[in-house]
Protein backbone atom coordinates (compact mmCIF):
# COMPACT_ATOMS: atom_id res chain seq x y z
CA MET A 1 -0.99 -1.95 -18.93
CA LYS A 2 1.80 -4.76 -19.57
CA ASN A 3 3.52 -6.16 -16.45
CA SER A 4 6.87 -4.65 -17.62
CA GLU A 5 5.11 -1.13 -17.57
CA LYS A 6 3.53 -1.92 -14.10
CA LEU A 7 6.85 -2.77 -12.68
CA LYS A 8 8.56 0.47 -14.10
CA HIS A 9 5.59 2.49 -12.61
CA TYR A 10 6.03 1.02 -9.16
CA GLU A 11 9.91 1.40 -9.33
CA GLU A 12 9.45 5.05 -10.18
CA LEU A 13 6.86 5.50 -7.53
CA THR A 14 9.01 3.77 -4.90
CA LYS A 15 11.80 6.19 -6.03
CA GLU A 16 9.65 9.07 -5.75
CA ILE A 17 8.49 8.00 -2.07
CA ALA A 18 12.04 7.55 -0.97
CA ASP A 19 13.07 10.85 -2.43
CA VAL A 20 10.20 12.71 -0.76
CA MET A 21 11.07 11.02 2.61
CA ALA A 22 14.57 11.79 2.58
CA PHE A 23 13.82 15.43 1.72
CA CYS A 24 11.32 15.47 4.59
CA GLU A 25 14.05 14.25 6.97
CA VAL A 26 16.49 16.82 5.66
CA LEU A 27 13.86 19.51 6.08
CA ARG A 28 13.20 18.29 9.59
CA LEU A 29 16.75 18.50 10.68
CA SER A 30 17.44 21.87 9.09
CA GLY A 31 14.93 23.36 11.29
CA LYS A 32 13.78 25.42 8.40
CA THR A 33 10.12 25.00 9.03
CA ASN A 34 7.75 23.15 11.46
CA MET A 35 7.09 19.90 9.69
CA LEU A 36 3.29 20.73 9.90
CA GLY A 37 3.88 23.55 7.35
CA ALA A 38 6.07 21.26 4.97
CA VAL A 39 3.67 20.72 2.31
CA PRO A 40 4.70 23.88 0.23
CA TYR A 41 8.35 22.87 0.47
CA ILE A 42 7.46 19.37 -0.90
CA GLN A 43 5.29 21.00 -3.53
CA GLU A 44 8.03 23.34 -4.66
CA GLU A 45 10.89 20.72 -4.42
CA PHE A 46 9.06 18.08 -6.48
CA GLY A 47 6.57 20.07 -8.46
CA MET A 48 3.68 18.35 -7.27
CA LYS A 49 0.01 19.20 -6.18
CA SER A 50 -0.46 19.87 -2.61
CA SER A 51 -2.79 16.95 -2.19
CA LYS A 52 0.07 14.64 -3.22
CA ALA A 53 2.44 16.49 -1.13
CA ARG A 54 0.24 16.27 1.78
CA ASN A 55 -0.37 12.48 1.42
CA TYR A 56 3.62 12.09 1.33
CA LEU A 57 3.81 14.23 4.55
CA ILE A 58 1.21 12.03 6.35
CA LEU A 59 3.42 8.99 5.21
CA TYR A 60 6.44 10.64 6.60
CA PHE A 61 4.67 11.24 9.90
CA GLU A 62 3.46 7.63 9.97
CA SER A 63 6.92 6.70 9.72
CA PHE A 64 7.52 7.96 13.33
CA LYS A 65 4.71 5.62 14.97
CA THR A 66 6.10 2.83 17.05
CA SER A 67 4.40 -0.61 17.04
CA LYS A 68 2.86 -1.62 20.45
CA SER A 69 4.29 -4.75 21.86
């Protein structure tokens, strides 16, 4: 894979992550589901396999952790 192809791939991945994180936040604020049950919503919205949706949901959960000072 050429560097330009890698860069495009990373840009697309970054956009996908941002889109899923934003969707999760909207879903959480809507109260439509407990976020532990959000995988099917992510799958449906983005047309992805449950394993990928679950990994993105874990990433979303991780964003709530605070660093220890």
